[in-house]
């Protein structure tokens, strides 16, 4: 009779377990990838989170995007109806941009830009950038995006890129619809400036393109300020409204001639410099000064936004 007591059932040596009896959790976890010791799931790549395509598709399906782009497409139609109802004073060889609005399709496009740059386009850009991060905070989804995890710097960058794409799309929509509608209604004539000068249709298209590029660059300071306010508040309306309010105050101060050369340092001081493309001889001085001023303010506000978002305690 053996002196060794019989082992009870289920007490077999774990090392002697038959094949296929390993812990299923180990099989589900898969092989450990590089950096798995820091807690990341194997195969996770932070650089593939929140892609531009995904965020852009998401933003295009939002009602505020559709309404904004739709209104900018409708604005030229409203202007054309206003010209048709109110009559035309385009018979004169010179006059204001309003009086010359029906001289040609390019003139109509210039007029549409002239009435939109000072306020409407500022509101649209402020809406896209000011709503970018603040809307996520207001929906209490920002902390979940960061828990994916998406790096804060990447989230801010992707939001800014998508907002920039939407803003450019809004500007292109306004210009494109205005040019097509204006050319259909008023022809492909030359661009006539308020000073009586004229540019051939082909040349005027090139000048118009330069003006549109400058307008886009000039609006970068609005984008930077809106983004800085967007990461500082949980209320999208506060970020958008604050940006628009600052732009209005800057425009008011710019009208005070007593400030002298100090007005040159105001954001948006060169917002009307794009009209210099209407002259036969293109002067780059104001265009370059305006571009530098806007990009400098945009860079400053962008740094503020990045620093604020990088150190902010996200609770929403």
C-alpha atoms as a PDB file:
ATOM      1  CA  UNK A   1       0.000   0.000   0.000  1.00  0.00           C
ATOM      2  CA  UNK A   2       1.469   3.361  -1.056  1.00  0.00           C
ATOM      3  CA  UNK A   3       2.053   5.980   1.621  1.00  0.00           C
ATOM      4  CA  UNK A   4       1.208   8.791  -0.772  1.00  0.00           C
ATOM      5  CA  UNK A   5      -2.337  10.093  -0.357  1.00  0.00           C
ATOM      6  CA  UNK A   6      -4.438  10.311  -3.474  1.00  0.00           C
ATOM      7  CA  UNK A   7      -4.763  13.833  -4.862  1.00  0.00           C
ATOM      8  CA  UNK A   8      -8.300  15.173  -4.861  1.00  0.00           C
ATOM      9  CA  UNK A   9      -9.919  15.894  -8.229  1.00  0.00           C
ATOM     10  CA  UNK A  10      -8.994  19.266  -9.771  1.00  0.00           C
ATOM     11  CA  UNK A  11      -5.727  19.621  -7.828  1.00  0.00           C
ATOM     12  CA  UNK A  12      -3.474  18.644 -10.686  1.00  0.00           C
ATOM     13  CA  UNK A  13      -0.295  20.573 -11.281  1.00  0.00           C
ATOM     14  CA  UNK A  14      -1.030  23.618 -13.438  1.00  0.00           C
ATOM     15  CA  UNK A  15       2.172  22.949 -15.336  1.00  0.00           C
ATOM     16  CA  UNK A  16       0.710  19.660 -16.484  1.00  0.00           C
ATOM     17  CA  UNK A  17      -2.500  21.137 -17.935  1.00  0.00           C
ATOM     18  CA  UNK A  18      -3.411  19.660 -21.280  1.00  0.00           C
ATOM     19  CA  UNK A  19      -3.030  21.729 -24.452  1.00  0.00           C
ATOM     20  CA  UNK A  20      -5.910  24.091 -25.160  1.00  0.00           C
ATOM     21  CA  UNK A  21      -6.706  24.724 -21.499  1.00  0.00           C
ATOM     22  CA  UNK A  22      -4.921  28.093 -21.244  1.00  0.00           C
ATOM     23  CA  UNK A  23      -6.725  31.112 -19.863  1.00  0.00           C
ATOM     24  CA  UNK A  24      -8.978  32.403 -22.687  1.00  0.00           C
ATOM     25  CA  UNK A  25      -8.302  36.004 -21.596  1.00  0.00           C
ATOM     26  CA  UNK A  26      -4.676  35.562 -22.628  1.00  0.00           C
ATOM     27  CA  UNK A  27      -5.780  34.423 -26.090  1.00  0.00           C
ATOM     28  CA  UNK A  28      -8.151  37.368 -26.506  1.00  0.00           C
ATOM     29  CA  UNK A  29      -5.553  39.925 -25.561  1.00  0.00           C
ATOM     30  CA  UNK A  30      -3.328  38.895 -28.466  1.00  0.00           C
ATOM     31  CA  UNK A  31       0.395  39.344 -28.674  1.00  0.00           C
ATOM     32  CA  UNK A  32       1.823  42.310 -26.891  1.00  0.00           C
ATOM     33  CA  UNK A  33       2.876  45.008 -29.320  1.00  0.00           C
ATOM     34  CA  UNK A  34       5.583  47.604 -28.924  1.00  0.00           C
ATOM     35  CA  UNK A  35       4.918  49.830 -25.967  1.00  0.00           C
ATOM     36  CA  UNK A  36       2.264  47.507 -24.551  1.00  0.00           C
ATOM     37  CA  UNK A  37       3.870  47.850 -21.135  1.00  0.00           C
ATOM     38  CA  UNK A  38       2.465  51.384 -20.863  1.00  0.00           C
ATOM     39  CA  UNK A  39      -1.092  50.120 -20.928  1.00  0.00           C
ATOM     40  CA  UNK A  40      -1.970  50.758 -24.584  1.00  0.00           C
ATOM     41  CA  UNK A  41      -3.881  48.192 -26.578  1.00  0.00           C
ATOM     42  CA  UNK A  42      -1.707  46.297 -29.007  1.00  0.00           C
ATOM     43  CA  UNK A  43      -1.835  47.864 -32.454  1.00  0.00           C
ATOM     44  CA  UNK A  44      -3.078  51.250 -31.221  1.00  0.00           C
ATOM     45  CA  UNK A  45      -1.755  54.166 -33.262  1.00  0.00           C
ATOM     46  CA  UNK A  46      -2.502  57.638 -31.911  1.00  0.00           C
ATOM     47  CA  UNK A  47      -1.739  59.091 -35.323  1.00  0.00           C
ATOM     48  CA  UNK A  48      -4.805  57.397 -36.806  1.00  0.00           C
ATOM     49  CA  UNK A  49      -7.349  58.736 -34.328  1.00  0.00           C
ATOM     50  CA  UNK A  50      -9.887  61.405 -35.337  1.00  0.00           C
ATOM     51  CA  UNK A  51      -9.027  61.428 -39.026  1.00  0.00           C
ATOM     52  CA  UNK A  52      -9.719  64.495 -41.152  1.00  0.00           C
ATOM     53  CA  UNK A  53     -12.176  62.522 -43.260  1.00  0.00           C
ATOM     54  CA  UNK A  54     -14.175  61.356 -40.256  1.00  0.00           C
ATOM     55  CA  UNK A  55     -14.349  64.793 -38.639  1.00  0.00           C
ATOM     56  CA  UNK A  56     -15.109  66.519 -41.944  1.00  0.00           C
ATOM     57  CA  UNK A  57     -17.964  64.119 -42.682  1.00  0.00           C
ATOM     58  CA  UNK A  58     -19.306  64.668 -39.195  1.00  0.00           C
ATOM     59  CA  UNK A  59     -19.188  68.444 -39.510  1.00  0.00           C
ATOM     60  CA  UNK A  60     -20.790  68.479 -42.959  1.00  0.00           C
ATOM     61  CA  UNK A  61     -23.789  66.614 -41.555  1.00  0.00           C
ATOM     62  CA  UNK A  62     -24.380  69.267 -38.899  1.00  0.00           C
ATOM     63  CA  UNK A  63     -27.216  71.701 -39.438  1.00  0.00           C
ATOM     64  CA  UNK A  64     -25.136  74.824 -38.730  1.00  0.00           C
ATOM     65  CA  UNK A  65     -22.700  73.875 -41.517  1.00  0.00           C
ATOM     66  CA  UNK A  66     -25.465  73.229 -44.014  1.00  0.00           C
ATOM     67  CA  UNK A  67     -27.283  76.463 -43.121  1.00  0.00           C
ATOM     68  CA  UNK A  68     -24.092  78.537 -43.320  1.00  0.00           C
ATOM     69  CA  UNK A  69     -23.049  77.203 -46.719  1.00  0.00           C
ATOM     70  CA  UNK A  70     -26.623  77.355 -47.967  1.00  0.00           C
ATOM     71  CA  UNK A  71     -27.007  80.994 -46.988  1.00  0.00           C
ATOM     72  CA  UNK A  72     -23.742  81.964 -48.689  1.00  0.00           C
ATOM     73  CA  UNK A  73     -24.964  80.224 -51.837  1.00  0.00           C
ATOM     74  CA  UNK A  74     -28.296  82.029 -51.565  1.00  0.00           C
ATOM     75  CA  UNK A  75     -26.830  85.495 -50.933  1.00  0.00           C
ATOM     76  CA  UNK A  76     -25.902  86.163 -54.605  1.00  0.00           C
ATOM     77  CA  UNK A  77     -29.459  85.273 -55.594  1.00  0.00           C
ATOM     78  CA  UNK A  78     -30.810  87.765 -53.060  1.00  0.00           C
ATOM     79  CA  UNK A  79     -28.453  90.449 -54.381  1.00  0.00           C
ATOM     80  CA  UNK A  80     -29.474  89.764 -57.986  1.00  0.00           C
ATOM     81  CA  UNK A  81     -33.146  90.058 -57.047  1.00  0.00           C
ATOM     82  CA  UNK A  82     -32.414  93.327 -55.251  1.00  0.00           C
ATOM     83  CA  UNK A  83     -30.696  94.698 -58.360  1.00  0.00           C
ATOM     84  CA  UNK A  84     -33.595  93.583 -60.549  1.00  0.00           C
ATOM     85  CA  UNK A  85     -36.209  95.146 -58.272  1.00  0.00           C
ATOM     86  CA  UNK A  86     -34.309  98.348 -57.546  1.00  0.00           C
ATOM     87  CA  UNK A  87     -33.069  98.968 -61.071  1.00  0.00           C
ATOM     88  CA  UNK A  88     -29.519  99.351 -62.303  1.00  0.00           C
ATOM     89  CA  UNK A  89     -27.188 102.308 -62.457  1.00  0.00           C
ATOM     90  CA  UNK A  90     -24.507 100.449 -64.373  1.00  0.00           C
ATOM     91  CA  UNK A  91     -24.677 102.730 -67.414  1.00  0.00           C
ATOM     92  CA  UNK A  92     -22.100 105.041 -65.871  1.00  0.00           C
ATOM     93  CA  UNK A  93     -18.444 104.338 -66.615  1.00  0.00           C
ATOM     94  CA  UNK A  94     -17.491 104.893 -62.990  1.00  0.00           C
ATOM     95  CA  UNK A  95     -19.104 105.000 -59.605  1.00  0.00           C
ATOM     96  CA  UNK A  96     -19.261 102.973 -56.416  1.00  0.00           C
ATOM     97  CA  UNK A  97     -18.987  99.210 -56.327  1.00  0.00           C
ATOM     98  CA  UNK A  98     -22.747  99.098 -55.758  1.00  0.00           C
ATOM     99  CA  UNK A  99     -23.432 101.148 -58.877  1.00  0.00           C
ATOM    100  CA  UNK A 100     -21.063  98.969 -60.900  1.00  0.00           C
ATOM    101  CA  UNK A 101     -22.393  95.675 -59.551  1.00  0.00           C
ATOM    102  CA  UNK A 102     -24.283  94.809 -62.737  1.00  0.00           C
ATOM    103  CA  UNK A 103     -21.617  95.827 -65.256  1.00  0.00           C
ATOM    104  CA  UNK A 104     -20.357  92.244 -65.556  1.00  0.00           C
ATOM    105  CA  UNK A 105     -20.225  88.938 -63.765  1.00  0.00           C
ATOM    106  CA  UNK A 106     -16.862  89.821 -62.227  1.00  0.00           C
ATOM    107  CA  UNK A 107     -18.208  93.157 -61.008  1.00  0.00           C
ATOM    108  CA  UNK A 108     -21.147  91.365 -59.425  1.00  0.00           C
ATOM    109  CA  UNK A 109     -18.748  88.986 -57.654  1.00  0.00           C
ATOM    110  CA  UNK A 110     -16.620  91.873 -56.387  1.00  0.00           C
ATOM    111  CA  UNK A 111     -19.740  93.553 -55.036  1.00  0.00           C
ATOM    112  CA  UNK A 112     -20.825  90.338 -53.262  1.00  0.00           C
ATOM    113  CA  UNK A 113     -17.407  90.118 -51.615  1.00  0.00           C
ATOM    114  CA  UNK A 114     -17.459  93.800 -50.702  1.00  0.00           C
ATOM    115  CA  UNK A 115     -20.704  93.477 -48.743  1.00  0.00           C
ATOM    116  CA  UNK A 116     -19.644  90.211 -47.074  1.00  0.00           C
ATOM    117  CA  UNK A 117     -16.059  90.723 -45.944  1.00  0.00           C
ATOM    118  CA  UNK A 118     -16.750  93.219 -43.165  1.00  0.00           C
ATOM    119  CA  UNK A 119     -19.202  91.111 -41.168  1.00  0.00           C
ATOM    120  CA  UNK A 120     -20.778  88.044 -42.786  1.00  0.00           C
ATOM    121  CA  UNK A 121     -17.574  86.134 -43.512  1.00  0.00           C
ATOM    122  CA  UNK A 122     -16.246  87.033 -40.064  1.00  0.00           C
ATOM    123  CA  UNK A 123     -19.347  85.495 -38.487  1.00  0.00           C
ATOM    124  CA  UNK A 124     -19.012  82.337 -40.600  1.00  0.00           C
ATOM    125  CA  UNK A 125     -15.334  81.831 -39.755  1.00  0.00           C
ATOM    126  CA  UNK A 126     -15.995  82.577 -36.085  1.00  0.00           C
ATOM    127  CA  UNK A 127     -18.809  80.022 -36.142  1.00  0.00           C
ATOM    128  CA  UNK A 128     -16.706  77.210 -37.586  1.00  0.00           C
ATOM    129  CA  UNK A 129     -13.682  77.801 -35.349  1.00  0.00           C
ATOM    130  CA  UNK A 130     -15.454  79.007 -32.211  1.00  0.00           C
ATOM    131  CA  UNK A 131     -17.779  76.029 -32.232  1.00  0.00           C
ATOM    132  CA  UNK A 132     -15.020  73.482 -32.882  1.00  0.00           C
ATOM    133  CA  UNK A 133     -14.018  72.549 -29.324  1.00  0.00           C
ATOM    134  CA  UNK A 134     -16.625  74.403 -27.280  1.00  0.00           C
ATOM    135  CA  UNK A 135     -19.436  72.362 -28.829  1.00  0.00           C
ATOM    136  CA  UNK A 136     -17.776  69.119 -27.726  1.00  0.00           C
ATOM    137  CA  UNK A 137     -17.522  70.519 -24.202  1.00  0.00           C
ATOM    138  CA  UNK A 138     -21.162  71.617 -24.221  1.00  0.00           C
ATOM    139  CA  UNK A 139     -22.216  68.111 -25.285  1.00  0.00           C
ATOM    140  CA  UNK A 140     -19.998  66.590 -22.533  1.00  0.00           C
ATOM    141  CA  UNK A 141     -18.220  64.549 -25.213  1.00  0.00           C
ATOM    142  CA  UNK A 142     -14.813  66.237 -25.058  1.00  0.00           C
ATOM    143  CA  UNK A 143     -13.528  64.097 -22.190  1.00  0.00           C
ATOM    144  CA  UNK A 144     -14.625  60.958 -24.019  1.00  0.00           C
ATOM    145  CA  UNK A 145     -12.724  61.999 -27.138  1.00  0.00           C
ATOM    146  CA  UNK A 146      -9.609  62.473 -25.049  1.00  0.00           C
ATOM    147  CA  UNK A 147     -10.207  59.096 -23.388  1.00  0.00           C
ATOM    148  CA  UNK A 148     -10.066  57.238 -26.744  1.00  0.00           C
ATOM    149  CA  UNK A 149      -7.255  58.377 -26.280  1.00  0.00           C
ATOM    150  CA  UNK A 150      -6.701  61.240 -28.695  1.00  0.00           C
ATOM    151  CA  UNK A 151      -3.750  63.476 -27.903  1.00  0.00           C
ATOM    152  CA  UNK A 152      -4.853  66.997 -27.059  1.00  0.00           C
ATOM    153  CA  UNK A 153      -2.533  68.535 -29.598  1.00  0.00           C
ATOM    154  CA  UNK A 154      -3.842  66.251 -32.339  1.00  0.00           C
ATOM    155  CA  UNK A 155      -7.476  66.909 -31.448  1.00  0.00           C
ATOM    156  CA  UNK A 156      -6.914  70.667 -31.587  1.00  0.00           C
ATOM    157  CA  UNK A 157      -5.028  70.392 -34.871  1.00  0.00           C
ATOM    158  CA  UNK A 158      -7.650  68.199 -36.539  1.00  0.00           C
ATOM    159  CA  UNK A 159     -10.440  70.503 -35.396  1.00  0.00           C
ATOM    160  CA  UNK A 160      -8.561  73.535 -36.740  1.00  0.00           C
ATOM    161  CA  UNK A 161      -7.873  71.887 -40.109  1.00  0.00           C
ATOM    162  CA  UNK A 162     -11.497  70.877 -40.580  1.00  0.00           C
ATOM    163  CA  UNK A 163     -12.691  74.340 -39.547  1.00  0.00           C
ATOM    164  CA  UNK A 164     -10.282  75.873 -42.065  1.00  0.00           C
ATOM    165  CA  UNK A 165     -11.610  73.592 -44.815  1.00  0.00           C
ATOM    166  CA  UNK A 166     -15.180  74.597 -44.011  1.00  0.00           C
ATOM    167  CA  UNK A 167     -14.249  78.292 -43.966  1.00  0.00           C
ATOM    168  CA  UNK A 168     -12.521  78.053 -47.350  1.00  0.00           C
ATOM    169  CA  UNK A 169     -15.511  76.124 -48.682  1.00  0.00           C
ATOM    170  CA  UNK A 170     -17.791  78.932 -47.522  1.00  0.00           C
ATOM    171  CA  UNK A 171     -15.666  81.587 -49.255  1.00  0.00           C
ATOM    172  CA  UNK A 172     -15.398  79.538 -52.452  1.00  0.00           C
ATOM    173  CA  UNK A 173     -19.157  78.941 -52.409  1.00  0.00           C
ATOM    174  CA  UNK A 174     -19.870  82.665 -52.223  1.00  0.00           C
ATOM    175  CA  UNK A 175     -17.399  83.523 -54.981  1.00  0.00           C
ATOM    176  CA  UNK A 176     -18.327  80.606 -57.229  1.00  0.00           C
ATOM    177  CA  UNK A 177     -22.080  81.148 -57.095  1.00  0.00           C
ATOM    178  CA  UNK A 178     -21.664  84.909 -57.515  1.00  0.00           C
ATOM    179  CA  UNK A 179     -19.414  84.508 -60.556  1.00  0.00           C
ATOM    180  CA  UNK A 180     -21.619  81.930 -62.271  1.00  0.00           C
ATOM    181  CA  UNK A 181     -24.861  83.774 -61.559  1.00  0.00           C
ATOM    182  CA  UNK A 182     -23.390  87.191 -62.339  1.00  0.00           C
ATOM    183  CA  UNK A 183     -21.900  86.012 -65.626  1.00  0.00           C
ATOM    184  CA  UNK A 184     -25.195  84.426 -66.626  1.00  0.00           C
ATOM    185  CA  UNK A 185     -27.152  87.605 -65.839  1.00  0.00           C
ATOM    186  CA  UNK A 186     -24.703  90.367 -66.746  1.00  0.00           C
ATOM    187  CA  UNK A 187     -22.281  88.749 -69.173  1.00  0.00           C
ATOM    188  CA  UNK A 188     -18.548  88.108 -69.341  1.00  0.00           C
ATOM    189  CA  UNK A 189     -17.554  91.741 -69.685  1.00  0.00           C
ATOM    190  CA  UNK A 190     -14.523  93.514 -68.316  1.00  0.00           C
ATOM    191  CA  UNK A 191     -14.072  94.393 -64.676  1.00  0.00           C
ATOM    192  CA  UNK A 192     -14.775  98.103 -64.205  1.00  0.00           C
ATOM    193  CA  UNK A 193     -13.302  99.756 -61.129  1.00  0.00           C
ATOM    194  CA  UNK A 194     -14.835 102.735 -59.281  1.00  0.00           C
ATOM    195  CA  UNK A 195     -12.062 104.875 -60.802  1.00  0.00           C
ATOM    196  CA  UNK A 196     -13.168 104.194 -64.351  1.00  0.00           C
ATOM    197  CA  UNK A 197     -10.376 101.713 -65.127  1.00  0.00           C
ATOM    198  CA  UNK A 198     -11.234  98.381 -66.713  1.00  0.00           C
ATOM    199  CA  UNK A 199      -9.579  94.972 -66.875  1.00  0.00           C
ATOM    200  CA  UNK A 200     -10.225  92.274 -69.460  1.00  0.00           C
ATOM    201  CA  UNK A 201     -12.273  89.306 -68.309  1.00  0.00           C
ATOM    202  CA  UNK A 202      -9.307  86.921 -68.228  1.00  0.00           C
ATOM    203  CA  UNK A 203      -7.109  89.379 -66.341  1.00  0.00           C
ATOM    204  CA  UNK A 204      -9.917  90.213 -63.922  1.00  0.00           C
ATOM    205  CA  UNK A 205     -10.306  86.531 -63.035  1.00  0.00           C
ATOM    206  CA  UNK A 206      -6.650  86.394 -62.024  1.00  0.00           C
ATOM    207  CA  UNK A 207      -6.993  89.564 -59.964  1.00  0.00           C
ATOM    208  CA  UNK A 208     -10.136  88.201 -58.345  1.00  0.00           C
ATOM    209  CA  UNK A 209      -8.263  85.030 -57.382  1.00  0.00           C
ATOM    210  CA  UNK A 210      -5.543  87.121 -55.724  1.00  0.00           C
ATOM    211  CA  UNK A 211      -8.183  89.082 -53.836  1.00  0.00           C
ATOM    212  CA  UNK A 212      -9.897  85.905 -52.624  1.00  0.00           C
ATOM    213  CA  UNK A 213      -6.595  84.453 -51.394  1.00  0.00           C
ATOM    214  CA  UNK A 214      -5.881  87.671 -49.493  1.00  0.00           C
ATOM    215  CA  UNK A 215      -9.353  87.638 -47.929  1.00  0.00           C
ATOM    216  CA  UNK A 216      -8.778  84.067 -46.761  1.00  0.00           C
ATOM    217  CA  UNK A 217      -5.421  85.022 -45.235  1.00  0.00           C
ATOM    218  CA  UNK A 218      -6.885  88.156 -43.662  1.00  0.00           C
ATOM    219  CA  UNK A 219      -9.523  86.041 -41.880  1.00  0.00           C
ATOM    220  CA  UNK A 220      -6.900  83.864 -40.188  1.00  0.00           C
ATOM    221  CA  UNK A 221      -6.732  86.219 -37.207  1.00  0.00           C
ATOM    222  CA  UNK A 222     -10.482  85.695 -36.718  1.00  0.00           C
ATOM    223  CA  UNK A 223      -9.931  81.942 -36.872  1.00  0.00           C
ATOM    224  CA  UNK A 224      -7.118  82.067 -34.309  1.00  0.00           C
ATOM    225  CA  UNK A 225      -9.092  84.200 -31.871  1.00  0.00           C
ATOM    226  CA  UNK A 226     -12.187  82.017 -32.213  1.00  0.00           C
ATOM    227  CA  UNK A 227     -10.148  78.879 -31.551  1.00  0.00           C
ATOM    228  CA  UNK A 228      -8.528  80.456 -28.489  1.00  0.00           C
ATOM    229  CA  UNK A 229     -11.960  81.328 -27.099  1.00  0.00           C
ATOM    230  CA  UNK A 230     -13.339  77.922 -28.078  1.00  0.00           C
ATOM    231  CA  UNK A 231     -10.880  76.088 -25.821  1.00  0.00           C
ATOM    232  CA  UNK A 232     -11.511  78.554 -22.991  1.00  0.00           C
ATOM    233  CA  UNK A 233     -15.259  78.117 -22.637  1.00  0.00           C
ATOM    234  CA  UNK A 234     -17.899  75.395 -22.678  1.00  0.00           C
ATOM    235  CA  UNK A 235     -20.391  77.694 -24.428  1.00  0.00           C
ATOM    236  CA  UNK A 236     -20.047  77.810 -28.249  1.00  0.00           C
ATOM    237  CA  UNK A 237     -22.136  80.980 -28.383  1.00  0.00           C
ATOM    238  CA  UNK A 238     -19.669  82.688 -26.063  1.00  0.00           C
ATOM    239  CA  UNK A 239     -16.713  81.827 -28.293  1.00  0.00           C
ATOM    240  CA  UNK A 240     -18.478  82.880 -31.496  1.00  0.00           C
ATOM    241  CA  UNK A 241     -20.014  86.004 -29.977  1.00  0.00           C
ATOM    242  CA  UNK A 242     -16.766  87.045 -28.330  1.00  0.00           C
ATOM    243  CA  UNK A 243     -14.890  86.791 -31.630  1.00  0.00           C
ATOM    244  CA  UNK A 244     -17.498  88.825 -33.499  1.00  0.00           C
ATOM    245  CA  UNK A 245     -17.536  91.432 -30.721  1.00  0.00           C
ATOM    246  CA  UNK A 246     -13.756  91.863 -30.861  1.00  0.00           C
ATOM    247  CA  UNK A 247     -13.896  92.290 -34.647  1.00  0.00           C
ATOM    248  CA  UNK A 248     -16.612  94.937 -34.324  1.00  0.00           C
ATOM    249  CA  UNK A 249     -14.642  96.862 -31.692  1.00  0.00           C
ATOM    250  CA  UNK A 250     -11.525  96.684 -33.886  1.00  0.00           C
ATOM    251  CA  UNK A 251     -13.470  98.087 -36.836  1.00  0.00           C
ATOM    252  CA  UNK A 252     -14.851 100.920 -34.707  1.00  0.00           C
ATOM    253  CA  UNK A 253     -11.393 101.847 -33.415  1.00  0.00           C
ATOM    254  CA  UNK A 254     -10.067 101.696 -36.960  1.00  0.00           C
ATOM    255  CA  UNK A 255     -12.453 104.509 -37.899  1.00  0.00           C
ATOM    256  CA  UNK A 256     -11.041 106.857 -35.258  1.00  0.00           C
ATOM    257  CA  UNK A 257      -8.514 108.896 -37.225  1.00  0.00           C
ATOM    258  CA  UNK A 258      -7.162 110.452 -34.023  1.00  0.00           C
ATOM    259  CA  UNK A 259      -5.363 107.158 -33.343  1.00  0.00           C
ATOM    260  CA  UNK A 260      -3.150 107.827 -36.323  1.00  0.00           C
ATOM    261  CA  UNK A 261      -0.647 105.106 -37.178  1.00  0.00           C
ATOM    262  CA  UNK A 262      -1.739 103.083 -34.155  1.00  0.00           C
ATOM    263  CA  UNK A 263      -4.624 101.861 -36.270  1.00  0.00           C
ATOM    264  CA  UNK A 264      -2.156  99.898 -38.396  1.00  0.00           C
ATOM    265  CA  UNK A 265      -1.637  97.518 -35.478  1.00  0.00           C
ATOM    266  CA  UNK A 266      -5.328  96.720 -35.132  1.00  0.00           C
ATOM    267  CA  UNK A 267      -6.439  93.274 -36.320  1.00  0.00           C
ATOM    268  CA  UNK A 268      -8.427  93.615 -39.492  1.00  0.00           C
ATOM    269  CA  UNK A 269      -7.036  97.056 -40.334  1.00  0.00           C
ATOM    270  CA  UNK A 270      -6.139  95.830 -43.824  1.00  0.00           C
ATOM    271  CA  UNK A 271      -9.411  93.992 -44.414  1.00  0.00           C
ATOM    272  CA  UNK A 272     -10.317  96.205 -47.396  1.00  0.00           C
ATOM    273  CA  UNK A 273      -6.860  96.097 -48.974  1.00  0.00           C
ATOM    274  CA  UNK A 274      -8.042  93.362 -51.334  1.00  0.00           C
ATOM    275  CA  UNK A 275      -9.799  96.051 -53.389  1.00  0.00           C
ATOM    276  CA  UNK A 276      -6.373  97.166 -54.643  1.00  0.00           C
ATOM    277  CA  UNK A 277      -6.545  94.272 -57.111  1.00  0.00           C
ATOM    278  CA  UNK A 278      -9.124  96.300 -59.046  1.00  0.00           C
ATOM    279  CA  UNK A 279      -6.572  98.855 -60.228  1.00  0.00           C
ATOM    280  CA  UNK A 280      -4.702  98.349 -63.527  1.00  0.00           C
ATOM    281  CA  UNK A 281      -1.354  98.362 -61.696  1.00  0.00           C
ATOM    282  CA  UNK A 282      -1.353  95.892 -58.842  1.00  0.00           C
ATOM    283  CA  UNK A 283       0.264  97.228 -55.663  1.00  0.00           C
ATOM    284  CA  UNK A 284       1.480  94.552 -53.273  1.00  0.00           C
ATOM    285  CA  UNK A 285       2.395  96.792 -50.330  1.00  0.00           C
ATOM    286  CA  UNK A 286      -0.927  96.784 -48.489  1.00  0.00           C
ATOM    287  CA  UNK A 287      -1.582  93.168 -49.438  1.00  0.00           C
ATOM    288  CA  UNK A 288       1.700  91.986 -47.948  1.00  0.00           C
ATOM    289  CA  UNK A 289       1.320  94.179 -44.858  1.00  0.00           C
ATOM    290  CA  UNK A 290      -2.192  92.888 -44.308  1.00  0.00           C
ATOM    291  CA  UNK A 291      -1.161  89.258 -44.795  1.00  0.00           C
ATOM    292  CA  UNK A 292       1.718  89.624 -42.333  1.00  0.00           C
ATOM    293  CA  UNK A 293      -0.482  91.333 -39.734  1.00  0.00           C
ATOM    294  CA  UNK A 294      -3.205  88.692 -39.941  1.00  0.00           C
ATOM    295  CA  UNK A 295      -0.795  85.758 -39.832  1.00  0.00           C
ATOM    296  CA  UNK A 296       1.031  87.287 -36.868  1.00  0.00           C
ATOM    297  CA  UNK A 297      -2.199  87.623 -34.898  1.00  0.00           C
ATOM    298  CA  UNK A 298      -3.286  84.133 -35.983  1.00  0.00           C
ATOM    299  CA  UNK A 299       0.001  82.677 -34.750  1.00  0.00           C
ATOM    300  CA  UNK A 300      -0.282  84.477 -31.416  1.00  0.00           C
ATOM    301  CA  UNK A 301      -3.874  83.354 -30.859  1.00  0.00           C
ATOM    302  CA  UNK A 302      -2.986  79.838 -32.002  1.00  0.00           C
ATOM    303  CA  UNK A 303      -0.224  79.572 -29.406  1.00  0.00           C
ATOM    304  CA  UNK A 304      -2.616  80.812 -26.723  1.00  0.00           C
ATOM    305  CA  UNK A 305      -5.187  78.222 -27.786  1.00  0.00           C
ATOM    306  CA  UNK A 306      -2.647  75.389 -27.749  1.00  0.00           C
ATOM    307  CA  UNK A 307      -1.212  76.351 -24.359  1.00  0.00           C
ATOM    308  CA  UNK A 308      -4.657  76.789 -22.843  1.00  0.00           C
ATOM    309  CA  UNK A 309      -5.942  73.471 -24.160  1.00  0.00           C
ATOM    310  CA  UNK A 310      -2.786  71.586 -23.198  1.00  0.00           C
ATOM    311  CA  UNK A 311      -3.059  72.604 -19.537  1.00  0.00           C
ATOM    312  CA  UNK A 312      -6.826  72.854 -19.149  1.00  0.00           C
ATOM    313  CA  UNK A 313      -8.613  70.524 -16.741  1.00  0.00           C
ATOM    314  CA  UNK A 314     -11.204  68.822 -18.941  1.00  0.00           C
ATOM    315  CA  UNK A 315     -14.366  68.121 -16.942  1.00  0.00           C
ATOM    316  CA  UNK A 316     -16.995  68.182 -19.712  1.00  0.00           C
END
